[in-house]
Protein backbone atom coordinates (compact mmCIF):
# COMPACT_ATOMS: atom_id res chain seq x y z
CA MET A 1 -0.75 7.89 1.83
CA HIS A 2 -2.36 5.28 4.38
CA TRP A 3 -0.78 4.36 7.46
CA LYS A 4 -0.67 0.65 8.18
CA TYR A 5 -1.27 0.97 11.90
CA PRO A 6 -2.68 4.33 13.70
CA LEU A 7 -0.66 6.59 15.46
CA SER A 8 -1.70 8.20 18.58
CA ALA A 9 -2.19 11.98 19.02
CA LEU A 10 0.91 12.02 21.22
CA ALA A 11 3.53 10.17 18.46
CA ILE A 12 2.01 12.62 15.69
CA SER A 13 2.81 15.58 18.01
CA VAL A 14 6.33 14.08 18.40
CA LEU A 15 6.99 13.63 14.79
CA LEU A 16 6.15 16.82 13.92
CA VAL A 17 8.15 18.63 16.47
CA GLY A 18 11.32 16.38 15.54
CA CYS A 19 10.52 17.37 11.90
CA ASN A 20 10.05 20.89 12.62
CA GLN A 21 13.44 21.05 14.67
CA SER A 22 15.15 19.38 11.96
CA ASP A 23 13.78 21.84 9.27
CA ASN A 24 14.93 24.70 11.79
CA ALA A 25 18.22 23.48 12.16
CA HIS A 26 18.81 23.03 8.50
CA LYS A 27 17.47 26.48 7.65
CA ALA A 28 20.03 28.11 10.32
CA THR A 29 22.81 26.11 8.78
CA SER A 30 21.96 27.06 5.39
CA ASN A 31 21.36 30.85 6.48
CA GLU A 32 24.90 30.67 8.16
CA THR A 33 26.22 29.05 5.15
CA MET A 34 24.99 31.77 3.05
CA GLU A 35 26.23 34.68 5.20
CA THR A 36 29.74 32.65 5.24
CA THR A 37 29.97 32.41 1.79
CA GLU A 38 28.38 35.35 0.06
CA GLU A 39 28.94 38.19 2.39
CA THR A 40 32.45 39.36 3.85
CA ILE A 41 33.10 42.20 6.47
CA ILE A 42 36.36 44.36 5.85
CA LYS A 43 37.79 47.12 7.67
CA ASP A 44 38.32 50.23 5.32
CA GLU A 45 40.76 52.97 5.57
CA LEU A 46 38.51 54.68 8.05
CA ASN A 47 38.92 51.88 10.41
CA ARG A 48 35.14 51.31 9.81
CA ASP A 49 33.43 47.51 9.38
CA VAL A 50 32.00 47.55 5.65
CA THR A 51 29.74 44.50 5.05
CA ILE A 52 29.89 43.73 1.38
CA PRO A 53 29.48 40.77 -1.18
CA LEU A 54 32.20 38.46 -1.21
CA ASN A 55 33.82 38.89 -4.64
CA PRO A 56 31.45 41.66 -5.68
CA ASP A 57 30.70 41.91 -9.36
CA ARG A 58 29.06 45.43 -9.35
CA VAL A 59 31.68 47.55 -8.31
CA VAL A 60 31.71 51.50 -8.76
CA VAL A 61 34.60 53.77 -8.28
CA GLY A 62 33.95 57.51 -7.20
CA GLY A 63 36.35 60.08 -6.18
CA ILE A 64 39.28 57.90 -5.33
CA LEU A 65 40.29 58.10 -9.12
CA PRO A 66 43.18 55.93 -9.54
CA TYR A 67 41.50 52.95 -7.97
CA PHE A 68 39.68 51.14 -10.84
CA SER A 69 43.46 50.56 -12.14
CA THR A 70 44.48 48.65 -8.66
CA TRP A 71 40.91 46.43 -9.01
CA TYR A 72 42.20 45.41 -12.37
CA ILE A 73 45.92 44.71 -11.28
CA ALA A 74 44.30 42.53 -8.33
CA THR A 75 42.00 40.74 -10.17
CA ASN A 76 42.98 40.76 -13.81
CA SER A 77 39.51 42.04 -14.49
CA THR A 78 37.32 45.08 -15.10
CA LYS A 79 34.06 43.59 -16.06
CA GLU A 80 33.13 44.17 -12.25
CA ILE A 81 33.41 47.82 -12.87
CA VAL A 82 29.93 48.96 -13.41
CA GLY A 83 30.56 52.86 -12.67
CA MET A 84 33.52 55.31 -12.25
CA HIS A 85 34.01 59.14 -12.24
CA PRO A 86 34.21 60.75 -15.52
CA ASN A 87 37.61 61.81 -14.30
CA SER A 88 38.86 58.13 -14.54
CA TYR A 89 36.97 56.92 -17.34
CA ASN A 90 38.74 59.46 -19.65
CA ALA A 91 42.20 58.44 -18.31
CA ALA A 92 40.80 54.92 -18.84
CA SER A 93 39.53 55.81 -22.37
CA HIS A 94 43.12 57.40 -23.35
CA SER A 95 45.04 54.65 -21.74
CA ILE A 96 46.55 51.02 -22.90
CA LEU A 97 44.08 49.43 -20.17
CA LYS A 98 41.17 49.89 -22.81
CA ASP A 99 43.02 47.53 -25.12
CA ILE A 100 43.76 45.18 -22.70
CA SER A 101 40.42 44.90 -20.58
CA PRO A 102 38.05 46.42 -23.30
CA ASP A 103 35.34 46.12 -20.22
CA VAL A 104 36.61 48.98 -18.59
CA LEU A 105 35.04 51.21 -21.08
CA LYS A 106 31.46 50.01 -20.13
CA ALA A 107 31.57 51.67 -17.19
CA ASP A 108 28.62 54.29 -16.36
CA THR A 109 29.84 57.93 -15.44
CA SER A 110 26.30 59.57 -15.36
CA PHE A 111 26.09 58.93 -11.32
CA ILE A 112 28.58 61.98 -11.10
CA GLN A 113 26.72 65.29 -11.85
CA ASN A 114 28.45 68.75 -11.30
CA GLY A 115 31.48 66.79 -9.51
CA GLU A 116 29.06 65.10 -6.97
CA VAL A 117 27.66 61.53 -6.73
CA ASN A 118 23.97 61.80 -7.52
CA ILE A 119 22.27 58.72 -5.44
CA GLU A 120 19.30 58.38 -7.77
CA GLU A 121 21.39 57.77 -10.84
CA LEU A 122 23.84 55.72 -9.01
CA MET A 123 21.03 53.30 -7.97
CA LYS A 124 20.30 52.34 -11.67
CA VAL A 125 23.55 50.54 -12.04
CA ASN A 126 22.92 48.75 -8.82
CA PRO A 127 25.97 49.04 -6.89
CA GLU A 128 27.11 46.07 -4.78
CA VAL A 129 30.17 48.12 -3.39
CA TYR A 130 31.18 51.89 -3.79
CA PHE A 131 34.85 53.03 -3.27
CA GLU A 132 35.60 56.74 -2.26
CA ILE A 133 38.23 58.82 -1.09
CA ALA A 134 38.41 58.76 2.72
CA SER A 135 38.43 62.66 2.79
CA ASP A 136 35.07 63.08 0.93
CA GLU A 137 32.98 62.67 4.20
CA LYS A 138 29.86 64.47 2.32
CA SER A 139 29.83 61.81 -0.37
CA ILE A 140 30.41 58.77 2.30
CA ASN A 141 27.68 59.94 4.55
CA LYS A 142 25.52 60.57 1.42
CA LEU A 143 26.18 56.81 0.55
CA GLU A 144 25.93 55.29 3.62
CA GLU A 145 22.34 57.10 4.04
CA ALA A 146 20.97 55.24 1.13
CA GLY A 147 22.27 51.95 2.15
CA VAL A 148 25.39 51.38 -0.38
CA PRO A 149 28.07 49.81 0.97
CA THR A 150 30.95 51.98 0.84
CA VAL A 151 34.61 51.38 1.29
CA ALA A 152 36.65 54.56 1.97
CA LEU A 153 40.17 54.46 0.87
CA LYS A 154 43.20 57.14 2.13
CA ALA A 155 45.14 58.51 -0.86
CA THR A 156 47.62 60.04 1.70
CA THR A 157 50.48 58.37 3.80
CA ASP A 158 53.26 59.52 6.33
CA SER A 159 55.41 57.23 4.65
CA ASP A 160 58.09 58.72 2.19
CA ASP A 161 57.66 55.36 -0.08
CA PRO A 162 55.76 56.07 -3.20
CA LEU A 163 54.43 52.98 -3.27
CA GLU A 164 52.76 52.51 0.24
CA ILE A 165 49.58 53.81 -0.87
CA LEU A 166 49.48 51.35 -4.07
CA ASN A 167 50.43 48.47 -1.83
CA ARG A 168 47.60 49.15 0.84
CA TRP A 169 45.04 49.19 -1.56
CA LEU A 170 46.31 46.00 -3.13
CA THR A 171 46.13 44.35 0.08
CA LEU A 172 42.73 45.40 0.68
CA THR A 173 41.55 44.38 -2.41
CA GLY A 174 42.94 41.11 -2.06
CA GLU A 175 40.99 40.47 1.03
CA ILE A 176 37.72 41.70 -0.85
CA THR A 177 38.21 39.40 -3.73
CA GLY A 178 40.23 36.70 -2.06
CA THR A 179 42.94 37.19 -4.90
CA THR A 180 46.15 37.85 -3.11
CA ASP A 181 48.69 36.11 -5.68
CA ARG A 182 48.82 39.02 -7.99
CA PRO A 183 48.96 41.91 -5.54
CA ASP A 184 51.60 40.08 -3.81
CA GLN A 185 53.70 39.85 -6.72
CA ILE A 186 53.09 43.50 -7.94
CA ILE A 187 54.00 44.50 -4.25
CA GLN A 188 57.49 42.32 -4.33
CA GLU A 189 58.09 43.84 -7.96
CA GLY A 190 58.15 47.33 -6.53
CA LYS A 191 59.93 46.44 -3.46
CA LYS A 192 62.63 45.10 -5.75
CA ASN A 193 63.15 48.02 -8.18
CA GLN A 194 63.21 50.26 -5.12
CA GLN A 195 65.87 48.28 -3.68
CA GLU A 196 68.05 48.03 -7.02
CA ILE A 197 67.51 52.22 -7.16
CA ASN A 198 68.64 52.58 -3.88
CA GLU A 199 71.92 50.31 -4.21
CA LYS A 200 72.70 52.14 -7.32
CA LEU A 201 72.50 55.49 -5.65
CA ALA A 202 73.89 54.71 -2.55
CA ASN A 203 77.01 56.49 -3.45
CA VAL A 204 75.43 59.66 -5.06
CA GLN A 205 76.07 62.85 -3.26
CA LYS A 206 73.49 65.30 -2.42
CA GLU A 207 75.04 67.90 -4.77
CA ASP A 208 75.27 65.60 -7.26
CA MET A 209 71.38 64.89 -7.46
CA PRO A 210 68.98 67.04 -9.81
CA LYS A 211 67.05 69.69 -8.34
CA VAL A 212 63.32 68.66 -9.60
CA MET A 213 59.76 70.60 -9.58
CA ILE A 214 56.63 68.98 -10.11
CA LEU A 215 53.92 70.95 -12.44
CA GLN A 216 50.48 69.54 -10.84
CA TYR A 217 48.45 72.13 -12.57
CA HIS A 218 49.11 74.26 -15.29
CA ASN A 219 47.65 76.80 -18.31
CA ASP A 220 47.90 80.31 -19.37
CA LYS A 221 46.06 81.63 -15.87
CA GLU A 222 47.60 78.92 -13.21
CA ILE A 223 51.10 77.61 -12.41
CA SER A 224 50.33 75.19 -9.44
CA VAL A 225 53.57 73.07 -8.07
CA ALA A 226 53.19 69.81 -5.76
CA GLY A 227 55.42 69.89 -2.73
CA SER A 228 55.97 67.97 0.32
CA ASN A 229 53.17 65.44 1.38
CA MET A 230 52.35 64.70 -2.15
CA HIS A 231 53.02 61.80 -4.39
CA GLY A 232 55.60 63.70 -6.66
CA ASN A 233 57.68 64.53 -3.69
CA ARG A 234 57.69 60.84 -2.69
CA TRP A 235 58.70 59.95 -6.39
CA ILE A 236 61.43 62.13 -6.29
CA LYS A 237 63.13 61.38 -3.15
CA ALA A 238 62.76 57.71 -4.10
CA THR A 239 64.60 58.10 -7.22
CA GLY A 240 67.54 60.35 -6.30
CA GLY A 241 66.00 63.99 -6.88
CA ILE A 242 66.04 67.20 -4.56
CA ASP A 243 62.57 68.45 -4.51
CA VAL A 244 62.81 72.20 -5.28
CA ALA A 245 59.19 73.10 -3.58
CA GLU A 246 59.49 70.49 -0.43
CA LYS A 247 60.51 73.31 1.80
CA ASP A 248 58.30 75.99 0.24
CA ILE A 249 54.94 74.35 -0.22
CA GLN A 250 53.10 71.73 1.45
CA GLY A 251 50.56 69.76 -0.82
CA ILE A 252 49.58 71.80 -4.06
CA LYS A 253 50.29 75.61 -4.15
CA ALA A 254 49.57 78.16 -7.04
CA VAL A 255 52.81 80.10 -7.56
CA ASN A 256 54.26 82.78 -9.94
CA MET A 257 57.14 82.84 -12.23
CA GLU A 258 59.00 84.71 -9.65
CA GLN A 259 59.13 81.58 -7.60
CA ILE A 260 60.29 79.43 -10.34
CA TYR A 261 63.09 81.49 -11.19
CA ASN A 262 64.00 81.63 -7.56
CA TRP A 263 64.12 77.79 -7.68
CA ASP A 264 65.49 77.14 -10.97
CA PRO A 265 64.80 73.62 -11.29
CA GLU A 266 67.17 71.36 -13.44
CA ILE A 267 64.57 68.92 -14.50
CA ILE A 268 60.42 69.31 -14.89
CA TYR A 269 58.00 66.80 -14.44
CA ILE A 270 54.29 67.77 -15.67
CA THR A 271 51.68 65.42 -14.30
CA ASN A 272 48.43 64.00 -16.47
CA PHE A 273 46.01 66.45 -14.42
CA THR A 274 47.10 69.31 -16.86
CA GLU A 275 46.95 69.60 -20.52
CA THR A 276 50.41 71.10 -20.65
CA GLN A 277 53.00 69.32 -22.77
CA PRO A 278 56.75 69.56 -22.55
CA ILE A 279 56.95 71.46 -25.77
CA ASP A 280 54.74 74.29 -24.42
CA LEU A 281 57.23 75.10 -22.17
CA ILE A 282 60.39 74.62 -24.26
CA ASN A 283 58.72 76.66 -27.18
CA ASN A 284 57.84 79.11 -24.43
CA THR A 285 54.34 79.16 -26.16
CA ILE A 286 52.65 80.01 -22.90
CA SER A 287 50.98 83.44 -22.79
CA GLY A 288 52.18 85.61 -20.00
CA GLN A 289 54.85 83.53 -18.93
CA ASP A 290 58.44 83.37 -19.86
CA TRP A 291 59.82 80.16 -19.17
CA SER A 292 62.92 80.35 -21.47
CA GLN A 293 65.36 81.04 -18.36
CA ILE A 294 64.80 78.01 -16.22
CA LYS A 295 67.44 75.66 -16.49
CA ALA A 296 65.45 72.49 -17.12
CA VAL A 297 63.90 74.44 -20.02
CA LYS A 298 67.20 75.25 -21.60
CA ASN A 299 68.50 71.72 -21.50
CA LYS A 300 64.82 70.32 -22.76
CA GLN A 301 65.00 68.21 -19.38
CA VAL A 302 61.20 68.71 -19.35
CA TYR A 303 58.89 65.67 -19.16
CA LYS A 304 55.48 64.41 -19.41
CA VAL A 305 54.82 61.80 -16.85
CA PRO A 306 53.51 58.51 -18.41
CA LEU A 307 50.15 57.26 -18.55
CA GLY A 308 49.80 53.05 -18.97
CA ILE A 309 47.04 51.49 -17.58
CA TYR A 310 46.55 54.52 -15.47
CA ARG A 311 48.26 58.08 -14.96
CA TRP A 312 51.66 57.13 -13.31
CA TYR A 313 51.79 59.95 -11.03
CA PRO A 314 49.19 58.84 -8.44
CA PRO A 315 49.03 55.29 -6.92
CA ASN A 316 48.51 52.75 -9.92
CA GLY A 317 49.39 49.69 -11.31
CA ASP A 318 52.62 50.72 -13.23
CA ALA A 319 53.99 52.14 -10.15
CA PRO A 320 57.07 49.63 -9.98
CA LEU A 321 57.60 51.14 -13.83
CA MET A 322 57.11 54.77 -12.86
CA LEU A 323 60.25 54.28 -10.37
CA LYS A 324 62.45 53.03 -13.32
CA TRP A 325 61.22 55.81 -15.27
CA MET A 326 61.82 58.62 -13.17
CA ALA A 327 65.31 57.09 -12.09
CA GLN A 328 66.41 56.89 -15.36
CA HIS A 329 65.63 60.61 -16.24
CA ASN A 330 67.01 62.03 -12.52
CA HIS A 331 70.44 59.74 -13.02
CA PRO A 332 70.62 58.78 -16.68
CA GLU A 333 74.42 57.81 -16.43
CA ILE A 334 73.32 55.35 -13.84
CA PHE A 335 70.33 53.76 -14.82
CA ASP A 336 71.02 52.49 -18.66
CA TYR A 337 68.24 50.21 -19.14
CA ASN A 338 65.80 50.37 -22.18
CA MET A 339 62.36 51.72 -20.97
CA THR A 340 60.64 50.21 -23.86
CA GLU A 341 61.67 46.78 -22.85
CA GLU A 342 61.07 47.23 -19.31
CA ILE A 343 57.48 48.03 -19.64
CA GLN A 344 57.15 45.30 -22.29
CA ASN A 345 58.38 42.60 -19.67
CA TYR A 346 56.39 44.38 -17.19
CA TYR A 347 53.12 44.10 -19.21
CA ALA A 348 53.71 40.46 -20.13
CA LYS A 349 54.66 39.38 -16.86
CA PHE A 350 51.68 41.42 -14.73
CA TYR A 351 48.80 41.32 -17.32
CA ASN A 352 49.74 38.71 -19.97
CA TYR A 353 49.82 41.36 -22.64
CA GLU A 354 52.18 42.19 -25.44
CA VAL A 355 52.68 45.64 -25.93
CA THR A 356 54.00 46.65 -29.31
CA GLU A 357 56.57 49.59 -29.53
CA ASP A 358 54.14 51.96 -30.85
CA GLN A 359 52.02 51.27 -27.74
CA VAL A 360 55.15 52.11 -25.50
CA LYS A 361 55.41 55.65 -27.49
CA ASP A 362 51.94 56.18 -26.49
CA ILE A 363 52.33 55.48 -22.88
CA LEU A 364 55.48 57.48 -22.51
CA ASN A 365 53.97 60.72 -24.37
CA PRO A 366 50.30 60.84 -23.44
CA SER A 367 47.94 63.14 -25.27
CA SER A 368 46.74 66.36 -23.79
CA GLU A 369 43.01 65.00 -24.17
CA ALA A 370 43.60 62.68 -21.26
CA ALA A 371 43.82 65.17 -18.89
CA LYS A 372 40.19 66.73 -20.02
CA TYR A 373 37.11 65.55 -18.26
């Protein structure tokens, strides 16, 4: 290119400086835009600021086992979940979520070895964000040292509201992904169900409430019961029951049959964290344990907690249904709705999925395999 008139050195200098300033300003603007659109800073439940990609598409879920189901109900997707704990994966593989969102079964589990996160294996799945239970400081520190953005979530609460933890997780997930409509709708559904239950239980006297026990872990060598400050305690209180273990046990504790004879629960709920089924107690087939004299067993009021998109006992997407299910077992004379219809309507509304009656049976009667990992 030839200039028609020669430029002075000064004019050329001014021209170049102007161009450089313009380029630098453009670069600065571009960088600011990139940071604004591609990254976000969120405050996790340890009150730490964590910088993560906005709308991350490579999510790993570690020891905060139920969280993958929260991600699903908040986003309507599991394709972002590239890794999860083997225990979570086993629950997912025996859940209806594998049918609704098959991508969940593509998640890698090899980064958890001997119950701990293996950073070398984790890096192979290239995580953009890792979700971990807040109480696992060892894993959180290890992940931070490796430069993996880690969001700590608490699985505890001081509230008696069994939905409080799920609602927190949903709200945080909405902040991370920018999807607030679905979380808000499910939070409102849970509040509505609880309010309806409260209204129907308003005139029920304490002496008319069933004595309830949560069998957390169980086999022929262990009987562990959940008491106060546990999910089960909150579910029982929210659905009109009396937790027989509340005064004697904080958290989870191994007990003997003598203690259970003393409590003599009228209803027993068995979690999805043990392979034991109601029939095992009802038929009294557990070696070294005699359940036959327990009131709940005599009356065959022993129930396995359902497993829908995840186990219904801890925080999970089906939590509003858990309220209805337990309320009906605690007070069948008051809550006369059809749980099959309740599940079908809920899944159609929130998951856009038509559940068959056979699938409902599987949800309400989870296999022992689902507890293995």
